[in-house]
Amino acid sequence: MVKWRYVTGERESAGGGLAADEFLMNQYSSWAASDCPEPTLRIYTFRNHCALIGRFQNLEAEVNVPRCQKLGIEANRRVTGGGAVLMGEDQLMVALASSVDHPIVPSHPARILSKMARGIIAGLDELGIKAEYRAKNDIVVNAKKIGGTAICVEETGAFLYQASVLLDFDVALMMKTLRIPAEKFSDKGIASAKDRITTVKRELGRRVEMPHAREAVIRGFERAFRVSAAHSPFTATEVEQIHELEIKKYMSRSWIYQRVPARDMLGQALKKTPAGLIHVYVTLAGDMVKSVLITGDFFSGNRLVNDIEAALKWGRTDKESIARVIRVVTTGAGTSIQGLSPNDLAEIIHVATTNARLAENSVQAESQA
């Protein structure tokens, strides 16, 4: 039987936990399909509490940073896309590192999340809970979210899947610390976050201790992918390398606070799409686009979004020109923002440029009054 390695951890810091996941992912860079090693599974918890945002999100738009600082809650940025989450000792974090060339990883990005979720769903089944996957990235029980999933696919071919499983959850603390846009609930008719979240404790009517839940998820992945998982802790060398990555990247403000709009980005557009919530900021220089910032809880290649933003600089502001640029970039990259066509993204950016023009006109009118 095929054997996977699994690593466990408890009460990890935000930066340390994320650095360990990325470290494992980086081990799968640039492998030939025939030589690719088996995936590594990591199951752990964060210490109470931390707020983690997705790769393309603006921290200050998603997290109440002053309140988190007051409460001693760490905030950090994942390498995976998706939305902001509150994690702690009652939420199980699952990470699977591999290569896109490994047979378990589907070739189409849209299928990756649903297939990887099989391990979590089988693990919940081990606990006596019937769950299912719901696009774009939720694991649900009777239409209520019990876990979320996220992915990162590097240009090197390295792949990281992350998932959370809510054994228990402090909804009130989440509402205090995360800024949840009304647009996220607009099509569900949900009055509050409590109406769309459930936990292992709520479903079973009793508390499940973390070691038991962890073993259930391990068995779930073994069942779902027909493998045997062997526990293999990080070596002393690996621990040292993870710590170096944590210091260099995850303790850096330039990593945590990136994707913050500049003060002159007067034009904005916010839209809920099948890809997720897209928030675009634009600055104009006459009839040209001076700068664009694309943020949100979507999934995409890490380099692609930066390439789109760079290609739009000093281009025309009409929708057709914007769409043409995006098509050229995405065709060359061989990928796109998952679930969002070039025309759809161009429409959102065009709305932002229109709003930027209106804002500029308003400022000029006020200065002349």
Protein backbone atom coordinates (compact mmCIF):
# COMPACT_ATOMS: atom_id res chain seq x y z
CA MET A 1 0.00 0.00 0.00
CA VAL A 2 1.18 3.52 -0.80
CA LYS A 3 2.53 5.31 2.27
CA TRP A 4 2.18 9.00 3.10
CA ARG A 5 3.99 10.93 5.78
CA TYR A 6 1.95 12.86 8.31
CA VAL A 7 3.09 15.47 10.81
CA THR A 8 1.17 16.78 13.81
CA GLY A 9 1.36 19.94 15.90
CA GLU A 10 -0.50 21.70 18.69
CA ARG A 11 -1.10 25.32 19.68
CA GLU A 12 1.18 26.76 17.01
CA SER A 13 1.67 30.46 16.38
CA ALA A 14 0.06 31.93 13.26
CA GLY A 15 3.39 32.53 11.55
CA GLY A 16 4.89 29.23 12.66
CA GLY A 17 1.95 27.15 11.51
CA LEU A 18 1.78 28.82 8.10
CA ALA A 19 5.54 28.66 7.63
CA ALA A 20 5.53 24.90 8.29
CA ASP A 21 2.83 24.38 5.65
CA GLU A 22 4.70 26.42 3.07
CA PHE A 23 7.95 24.65 3.91
CA LEU A 24 6.32 21.30 3.12
CA MET A 25 4.84 22.65 -0.10
CA ASN A 26 8.24 23.92 -1.25
CA GLN A 27 9.65 20.39 -1.05
CA TYR A 28 7.50 19.50 -4.07
CA SER A 29 8.85 22.15 -6.45
CA SER A 30 10.01 21.11 -9.91
CA TRP A 31 9.59 17.35 -9.61
CA ALA A 32 9.14 15.23 -12.74
CA ALA A 33 5.88 13.28 -12.65
CA SER A 34 7.70 9.94 -12.63
CA ASP A 35 9.87 10.91 -9.64
CA CYS A 36 7.35 12.87 -7.57
CA PRO A 37 7.35 11.80 -3.90
CA GLU A 38 4.15 10.92 -2.11
CA PRO A 39 2.14 13.75 -0.50
CA THR A 40 2.67 14.89 3.08
CA LEU A 41 -0.29 15.37 5.41
CA ARG A 42 -0.04 17.80 8.32
CA ILE A 43 -2.71 18.09 11.02
CA TYR A 44 -2.38 20.66 13.78
CA THR A 45 -3.99 23.42 15.84
CA PHE A 46 -3.22 27.08 16.36
CA ARG A 47 -3.02 28.62 19.80
CA ASN A 48 -5.97 30.81 20.82
CA HIS A 49 -6.50 32.81 18.64
CA CYS A 50 -5.35 33.96 15.22
CA ALA A 51 -7.00 35.62 12.22
CA LEU A 52 -5.74 34.32 8.88
CA ILE A 53 -6.55 36.01 5.59
CA GLY A 54 -6.32 34.63 2.06
CA ARG A 55 -3.42 35.27 -0.29
CA PHE A 56 -5.13 38.09 -2.22
CA GLN A 57 -6.99 39.83 0.58
CA ASN A 58 -6.40 43.25 2.13
CA LEU A 59 -5.83 42.62 5.84
CA GLU A 60 -7.40 45.83 7.09
CA ALA A 61 -10.51 45.26 4.96
CA GLU A 62 -11.00 41.74 6.35
CA VAL A 63 -9.81 41.98 9.95
CA ASN A 64 -10.49 44.47 12.73
CA VAL A 65 -6.79 44.90 13.39
CA PRO A 66 -7.02 47.29 16.39
CA ARG A 67 -9.45 44.98 18.17
CA CYS A 68 -7.30 41.94 17.45
CA GLN A 69 -4.25 43.71 18.84
CA LYS A 70 -6.21 44.64 21.96
CA LEU A 71 -7.33 41.04 22.44
CA GLY A 72 -3.88 39.60 21.71
CA ILE A 73 -5.05 37.87 18.52
CA GLU A 74 -2.37 37.32 15.87
CA ALA A 75 -3.12 38.19 12.25
CA ASN A 76 -1.30 36.75 9.27
CA ARG A 77 -1.59 35.92 5.57
CA ARG A 78 -1.76 32.44 4.02
CA VAL A 79 -0.17 31.46 0.72
CA THR A 80 -3.49 29.87 -0.22
CA GLY A 81 -6.39 31.88 -1.63
CA GLY A 82 -9.83 32.08 -0.09
CA GLY A 83 -11.23 34.16 2.73
CA ALA A 84 -10.45 35.24 6.27
CA VAL A 85 -10.85 32.71 9.09
CA LEU A 86 -10.51 32.75 12.86
CA MET A 87 -8.51 29.80 14.15
CA GLY A 88 -7.62 28.46 17.57
CA GLU A 89 -7.35 25.39 19.76
CA ASP A 90 -10.88 24.16 18.91
CA GLN A 91 -10.35 24.26 15.15
CA LEU A 92 -8.38 21.52 13.45
CA MET A 93 -6.10 22.68 10.62
CA VAL A 94 -5.31 20.22 7.85
CA ALA A 95 -2.63 20.74 5.21
CA LEU A 96 -1.72 18.48 2.30
CA ALA A 97 1.46 19.24 0.35
CA SER A 98 2.16 17.63 -2.98
CA SER A 99 2.91 18.33 -6.64
CA VAL A 100 0.42 19.07 -9.39
CA ASP A 101 2.05 16.16 -11.24
CA HIS A 102 1.03 13.65 -8.57
CA PRO A 103 -1.82 11.35 -9.66
CA ILE A 104 -4.13 12.42 -6.82
CA VAL A 105 -4.14 16.05 -7.99
CA PRO A 106 -6.71 16.72 -10.75
CA SER A 107 -5.45 18.53 -13.83
CA HIS A 108 -8.37 20.98 -13.79
CA PRO A 109 -8.12 23.55 -10.95
CA ALA A 110 -11.89 23.56 -10.39
CA ARG A 111 -11.77 19.88 -9.36
CA ILE A 112 -8.87 20.14 -6.94
CA LEU A 113 -10.83 21.49 -3.98
CA SER A 114 -13.66 18.99 -4.29
CA LYS A 115 -11.32 16.01 -4.58
CA MET A 116 -9.06 17.03 -1.70
CA ALA A 117 -12.16 17.55 0.47
CA ARG A 118 -12.83 13.81 0.31
CA GLY A 119 -10.32 13.24 3.09
CA ILE A 120 -12.05 15.72 5.40
CA ILE A 121 -15.50 14.35 4.56
CA ALA A 122 -14.33 10.79 5.24
CA GLY A 123 -12.79 11.95 8.52
CA LEU A 124 -16.07 13.52 9.63
CA ASP A 125 -17.78 10.27 8.66
CA GLU A 126 -15.42 8.48 11.06
CA LEU A 127 -16.87 10.73 13.77
CA GLY A 128 -20.44 9.94 12.72
CA ILE A 129 -21.11 13.15 10.77
CA LYS A 130 -22.34 13.12 7.18
CA ALA A 131 -20.82 16.06 5.33
CA GLU A 132 -20.45 17.12 1.72
CA TYR A 133 -18.49 19.57 -0.37
CA ARG A 134 -20.17 22.77 -1.59
CA ALA A 135 -18.56 25.03 -4.17
CA LYS A 136 -16.71 27.23 -4.08
CA ASN A 137 -14.82 25.87 -1.07
CA ASP A 138 -17.01 24.88 1.89
CA ILE A 139 -17.55 21.56 3.65
CA VAL A 140 -21.12 21.54 4.94
CA VAL A 141 -23.51 19.54 7.08
CA ASN A 142 -27.17 20.12 6.23
CA ALA A 143 -26.15 23.29 4.33
CA LYS A 144 -24.23 24.67 7.33
CA LYS A 145 -20.48 25.20 7.12
CA ILE A 146 -18.36 22.95 9.29
CA GLY A 147 -15.10 23.57 7.47
CA GLY A 148 -13.44 25.62 4.78
CA THR A 149 -10.82 24.73 2.19
CA ALA A 150 -8.16 26.61 0.22
CA ILE A 151 -5.40 25.88 -2.28
CA CYS A 152 -2.17 27.28 -3.61
CA VAL A 153 -0.57 26.15 -6.86
CA GLU A 154 2.92 27.53 -7.42
CA GLU A 155 4.48 28.07 -10.84
CA THR A 156 7.06 25.45 -9.81
CA GLY A 157 4.33 22.81 -9.67
CA ALA A 158 4.26 22.69 -5.86
CA PHE A 159 0.79 22.37 -4.44
CA LEU A 160 -0.74 23.09 -1.00
CA TYR A 161 -4.23 22.27 0.21
CA GLN A 162 -5.43 23.70 3.51
CA ALA A 163 -8.67 22.98 5.35
CA SER A 164 -10.22 23.84 8.69
CA VAL A 165 -12.56 21.66 10.71
CA LEU A 166 -14.68 23.33 13.41
CA LEU A 167 -14.80 21.09 16.47
CA ASP A 168 -16.19 24.07 18.34
CA PHE A 169 -16.32 27.74 17.46
CA ASP A 170 -16.75 31.15 19.07
CA VAL A 171 -19.04 32.90 16.57
CA ALA A 172 -19.27 36.02 18.74
CA LEU A 173 -15.48 36.42 18.71
CA MET A 174 -15.41 35.95 14.95
CA MET A 175 -17.98 38.70 14.48
CA LYS A 176 -15.90 41.00 16.69
CA THR A 177 -12.61 40.38 14.93
CA LEU A 178 -13.41 39.72 11.26
CA ARG A 179 -15.04 42.23 8.95
CA ILE A 180 -17.63 40.15 7.09
CA PRO A 181 -19.09 42.00 4.09
CA ALA A 182 -22.85 41.93 3.71
CA GLU A 183 -22.30 40.85 0.10
CA LYS A 184 -21.19 37.41 1.33
CA PHE A 185 -24.66 36.72 2.64
CA SER A 186 -26.71 38.58 0.08
CA ASP A 187 -27.70 35.53 -1.95
CA LYS A 188 -28.30 33.19 0.98
CA GLY A 189 -30.86 35.21 2.89
CA ILE A 190 -28.96 34.59 6.12
CA ALA A 191 -29.47 37.06 8.92
CA SER A 192 -26.37 36.18 10.89
CA ALA A 193 -23.24 34.09 10.72
CA LYS A 194 -24.67 31.71 13.35
CA ASP A 195 -27.27 30.57 10.84
CA ARG A 196 -24.65 29.23 8.44
CA ILE A 197 -22.04 27.67 10.75
CA THR A 198 -22.11 24.38 12.62
CA THR A 199 -19.52 22.41 14.60
CA VAL A 200 -18.63 18.83 15.45
CA LYS A 201 -19.83 19.48 18.99
CA ARG A 202 -23.20 20.78 17.81
CA GLU A 203 -23.76 17.93 15.37
CA LEU A 204 -22.88 15.18 17.86
CA GLY A 205 -24.27 16.87 20.97
CA ARG A 206 -20.98 16.32 22.78
CA ARG A 207 -17.40 17.50 22.77
CA VAL A 208 -14.81 15.54 20.78
CA GLU A 209 -11.26 15.83 22.06
CA MET A 210 -8.67 16.99 19.58
CA PRO A 211 -6.54 13.80 19.53
CA HIS A 212 -9.64 11.76 18.64
CA ALA A 213 -10.62 14.20 15.90
CA ARG A 214 -7.09 14.21 14.51
CA GLU A 215 -7.00 10.42 14.29
CA ALA A 216 -10.40 10.42 12.59
CA VAL A 217 -9.17 12.81 9.89
CA ILE A 218 -6.03 10.73 9.34
CA ARG A 219 -8.18 7.62 8.88
CA GLY A 220 -10.42 9.64 6.60
CA PHE A 221 -7.55 10.50 4.26
CA GLU A 222 -6.35 6.91 4.34
CA ARG A 223 -9.83 5.73 3.30
CA ALA A 224 -10.41 8.43 0.71
CA PHE A 225 -7.09 7.99 -1.08
CA ARG A 226 -6.40 4.31 -0.25
CA VAL A 227 -3.09 4.99 1.43
CA SER A 228 -1.38 4.30 4.73
CA ALA A 229 -0.21 7.32 6.73
CA ALA A 230 2.87 7.06 8.93
CA HIS A 231 3.68 9.61 11.62
CA SER A 232 7.03 11.31 11.03
CA PRO A 233 7.75 14.45 13.09
CA PHE A 234 9.80 17.31 11.72
CA THR A 235 13.52 16.76 12.04
CA ALA A 236 15.74 19.25 13.84
CA THR A 237 16.96 20.55 10.47
CA GLU A 238 13.40 20.98 9.21
CA VAL A 239 12.41 22.83 12.38
CA GLU A 240 15.34 25.22 11.88
CA GLN A 241 14.40 25.85 8.24
CA ILE A 242 10.75 26.44 9.15
CA HIS A 243 11.78 28.93 11.81
CA GLU A 244 13.95 30.79 9.29
CA LEU A 245 11.00 31.01 6.90
CA GLU A 246 8.73 32.23 9.68
CA ILE A 247 11.13 35.04 10.58
CA LYS A 248 11.89 36.04 7.00
CA LYS A 249 8.34 35.96 5.67
CA TYR A 250 5.57 35.47 8.20
CA MET A 251 6.90 37.97 10.72
CA SER A 252 7.35 40.58 7.99
CA ARG A 253 4.90 43.47 7.68
CA SER A 254 5.58 43.51 3.94
CA TRP A 255 4.00 40.04 3.72
CA ILE A 256 1.15 40.54 6.16
CA TYR A 257 0.16 44.05 5.06
CA GLN A 258 0.56 43.73 1.30
CA ARG A 259 -2.35 44.40 -1.08
CA VAL A 260 -3.34 47.59 0.72
CA PRO A 261 -4.76 50.22 -1.68
CA ALA A 262 -2.80 53.44 -2.12
CA ARG A 263 -4.41 56.66 -0.92
CA ASP A 264 -4.95 57.89 -4.48
CA MET A 265 -6.97 54.82 -5.48
CA LEU A 266 -10.28 56.68 -5.62
CA GLY A 267 -12.09 54.24 -7.88
CA GLN A 268 -13.49 51.04 -6.37
CA ALA A 269 -15.75 48.21 -7.44
CA LEU A 270 -16.98 45.35 -5.24
CA LYS A 271 -18.82 42.36 -6.68
CA LYS A 272 -19.77 38.89 -5.48
CA THR A 273 -19.01 36.40 -8.26
CA PRO A 274 -18.85 32.61 -8.64
CA ALA A 275 -15.11 33.01 -8.03
CA GLY A 276 -15.69 34.81 -4.74
CA LEU A 277 -15.80 38.40 -3.61
CA ILE A 278 -13.75 40.64 -5.93
CA HIS A 279 -12.71 44.11 -4.76
CA VAL A 280 -10.87 46.27 -7.30
CA TYR A 281 -9.16 49.61 -6.66
CA VAL A 282 -8.06 51.92 -9.49
CA THR A 283 -6.07 55.13 -9.95
CA LEU A 284 -6.31 57.10 -13.20
CA ALA A 285 -3.87 59.45 -14.89
CA GLY A 286 -5.88 61.37 -17.44
CA ASP A 287 -7.42 58.86 -19.81
CA MET A 288 -5.06 56.08 -18.74
CA VAL A 289 -4.98 53.54 -15.94
CA LYS A 290 -2.21 54.50 -13.55
CA SER A 291 -2.53 51.52 -11.21
CA VAL A 292 -4.87 48.63 -10.37
CA LEU A 293 -5.16 46.49 -7.23
CA ILE A 294 -7.25 43.31 -7.31
CA THR A 295 -8.17 41.85 -3.92
CA GLY A 296 -10.63 39.23 -2.70
CA ASP A 297 -11.21 35.70 -1.49
CA PHE A 298 -10.72 34.05 -4.88
CA PHE A 299 -8.25 31.36 -5.98
CA SER A 300 -5.60 32.02 -8.59
CA GLY A 301 -1.99 31.48 -9.46
CA ASN A 302 0.07 33.75 -7.22
CA ARG A 303 1.96 35.41 -10.09
CA LEU A 304 -1.08 35.81 -12.36
CA VAL A 305 -2.81 38.56 -10.39
CA ASN A 306 0.37 40.62 -10.23
CA ASP A 307 0.87 40.13 -13.98
CA ILE A 308 -2.67 41.35 -14.73
CA GLU A 309 -2.22 44.43 -12.56
CA ALA A 310 1.12 45.24 -14.19
CA ALA A 311 -0.21 44.74 -17.74
CA LEU A 312 -3.13 47.12 -17.16
CA LYS A 313 -0.85 50.00 -16.13
CA TRP A 314 -0.88 52.89 -18.59
CA GLY A 315 -3.55 51.18 -20.67
CA ARG A 316 -6.91 52.46 -21.86
CA THR A 317 -9.92 52.52 -19.56
CA ASP A 318 -12.64 51.19 -21.88
CA LYS A 319 -13.93 47.70 -21.12
CA GLU A 320 -12.88 46.18 -24.43
CA SER A 321 -9.25 47.28 -24.00
CA ILE A 322 -9.17 46.03 -20.41
CA ALA A 323 -10.62 42.65 -21.45
CA ARG A 324 -8.09 42.34 -24.28
CA VAL A 325 -5.17 42.85 -21.91
CA ILE A 326 -6.54 40.30 -19.42
CA ARG A 327 -7.07 37.71 -22.18
CA VAL A 328 -3.48 38.12 -23.35
CA VAL A 329 -2.09 37.67 -19.83
CA THR A 330 -4.26 34.70 -18.91
CA THR A 331 -3.66 32.96 -22.24
CA GLY A 332 0.06 33.29 -21.80
CA ALA A 333 -0.14 32.01 -18.24
CA GLY A 334 -2.32 29.06 -19.17
CA THR A 335 -4.57 29.81 -16.22
CA SER A 336 -7.00 32.40 -14.88
CA ILE A 337 -8.77 33.40 -11.70
CA GLN A 338 -10.76 30.27 -10.95
CA GLY A 339 -14.43 30.72 -11.88
CA LEU A 340 -14.02 34.19 -13.40
CA SER A 341 -13.78 34.86 -17.14
CA PRO A 342 -11.58 37.66 -18.53
CA ASN A 343 -14.73 39.55 -19.58
CA ASP A 344 -16.22 39.31 -16.08
CA LEU A 345 -13.03 40.62 -14.49
CA ALA A 346 -12.82 43.37 -17.13
CA GLU A 347 -16.37 44.45 -16.27
CA ILE A 348 -15.50 44.85 -12.57
CA ILE A 349 -12.31 46.79 -13.36
CA HIS A 350 -14.19 48.99 -15.81
CA VAL A 351 -16.76 49.84 -13.11
CA ALA A 352 -13.85 50.82 -10.84
CA THR A 353 -12.38 53.08 -13.54
CA THR A 354 -15.78 54.71 -14.04
CA ASN A 355 -16.07 55.29 -10.30
CA ALA A 356 -12.54 56.71 -10.27
CA ARG A 357 -13.55 59.19 -12.96
CA LEU A 358 -16.64 60.21 -10.99
CA ALA A 359 -14.56 60.62 -7.82
CA GLU A 360 -12.02 62.79 -9.65
CA ASN A 361 -14.78 64.98 -11.07
CA SER A 362 -16.30 65.35 -7.62
CA VAL A 363 -12.95 66.39 -6.12
CA GLN A 364 -12.40 68.93 -8.89
CA ALA A 365 -15.92 70.35 -8.45
CA GLU A 366 -15.36 70.77 -4.71
CA SER A 367 -12.02 72.52 -5.28
CA GLN A 368 -13.62 74.96 -7.70
CA ALA A 369 -16.58 75.74 -5.48
